Amino acid sequence: MIASVCSASDFARFSLNYPPFFIEKCWEDNKVLADHLTEKFFGYHKRHGATGVMLMFYLSLDGWNKRKLEDFINAHLLGE
């Protein structure tokens, strides 16, 4: 099992303050996947609202993509 690289407080902070186009930036190496995940994200936003979207989105990702998002969150928060 891969240890989480993103603390709960970092995830919470990011989930309420995510930057525009974060999916396109995180998955810039795979435009088709980024487009698919963007659609998924907007669907979750429509169903769960602004406060629930990130958790539902994160939980829908497979292990590799969760790790990719966690790495992106850490890099984003370090850059603030």
Protein backbone atom coordinates (compact mmCIF):
# COMPACT_ATOMS: atom_id res chain seq x y z
CA MET A 1 0.00 0.00 0.00
CA ILE A 2 1.30 3.45 -0.92
CA ALA A 3 1.33 5.89 1.96
CA SER A 4 -0.63 9.08 1.47
CA VAL A 5 1.52 12.06 0.63
CA CYS A 6 -1.17 14.60 1.38
CA SER A 7 -2.37 15.38 4.92
CA ALA A 8 -6.06 15.64 5.70
CA SER A 9 -5.74 19.34 6.47
CA ASP A 10 -3.92 19.96 3.17
CA PHE A 11 -6.62 18.07 1.29
CA ALA A 12 -9.37 20.03 3.07
CA ARG A 13 -7.66 23.34 2.34
CA PHE A 14 -7.19 22.44 -1.33
CA SER A 15 -10.74 21.11 -1.69
CA LEU A 16 -12.20 24.45 -0.63
CA ASN A 17 -9.67 26.56 -2.57
CA TYR A 18 -8.74 24.58 -5.68
CA PRO A 19 -7.33 26.62 -8.55
CA PRO A 20 -9.13 26.96 -11.88
CA PHE A 21 -8.25 24.25 -14.39
CA PHE A 22 -6.46 22.15 -11.76
CA ILE A 23 -7.47 18.92 -13.52
CA GLU A 24 -6.00 20.08 -16.83
CA LYS A 25 -2.80 21.08 -15.03
CA CYS A 26 -2.54 17.89 -12.97
CA TRP A 27 -3.18 15.58 -15.93
CA GLU A 28 -1.50 17.73 -18.58
CA ASP A 29 0.33 14.65 -19.86
CA ASN A 30 -2.97 12.96 -20.83
CA LYS A 31 -5.54 15.31 -22.38
CA VAL A 32 -8.10 12.54 -22.97
CA LEU A 33 -8.01 11.54 -19.30
CA ALA A 34 -8.07 15.20 -18.22
CA ASP A 35 -11.20 15.78 -20.31
CA HIS A 36 -12.85 12.67 -18.85
CA LEU A 37 -11.99 13.67 -15.28
CA THR A 38 -13.19 17.23 -15.86
CA GLU A 39 -16.59 15.90 -16.95
CA LYS A 40 -16.65 13.65 -13.89
CA PHE A 41 -15.76 16.58 -11.63
CA PHE A 42 -18.52 18.78 -13.03
CA GLY A 43 -21.02 15.94 -12.62
CA TYR A 44 -20.05 15.54 -8.97
CA HIS A 45 -20.23 19.31 -8.50
CA LYS A 46 -23.76 19.34 -9.88
CA ARG A 47 -24.85 16.49 -7.55
CA HIS A 48 -22.86 17.29 -4.40
CA GLY A 49 -22.21 21.02 -4.55
CA ALA A 50 -19.03 22.96 -3.88
CA THR A 51 -18.32 21.43 -0.49
CA GLY A 52 -18.77 17.79 -1.53
CA VAL A 53 -17.34 17.75 -5.02
CA MET A 54 -13.66 17.24 -4.20
CA LEU A 55 -14.22 14.35 -1.81
CA MET A 56 -16.47 12.54 -4.27
CA PHE A 57 -14.03 13.22 -7.10
CA TYR A 58 -11.06 11.96 -5.07
CA LEU A 59 -12.89 8.81 -3.98
CA SER A 60 -13.73 7.99 -7.60
CA LEU A 61 -10.07 7.94 -8.67
CA ASP A 62 -7.99 4.78 -8.84
CA GLY A 63 -4.86 4.49 -6.69
CA TRP A 64 -2.44 5.85 -9.30
CA ASN A 65 -4.60 8.90 -10.02
CA LYS A 66 -5.19 9.54 -6.31
CA ARG A 67 -1.42 9.64 -5.84
CA LYS A 68 -1.07 11.97 -8.85
CA LEU A 69 -3.65 14.35 -7.36
CA GLU A 70 -1.99 14.18 -3.93
CA ASP A 71 1.37 15.06 -5.50
CA PHE A 72 -0.29 17.95 -7.34
CA ILE A 73 -1.91 19.21 -4.12
CA ASN A 74 1.41 19.13 -2.29
CA ALA A 75 3.17 20.98 -5.12
CA HIS A 76 0.35 23.54 -5.32
CA LEU A 77 0.34 24.21 -1.58
CA LEU A 78 4.12 24.51 -1.48
CA GLY A 79 3.89 27.08 -4.26
CA GLU A 80 1.45 29.32 -2.39
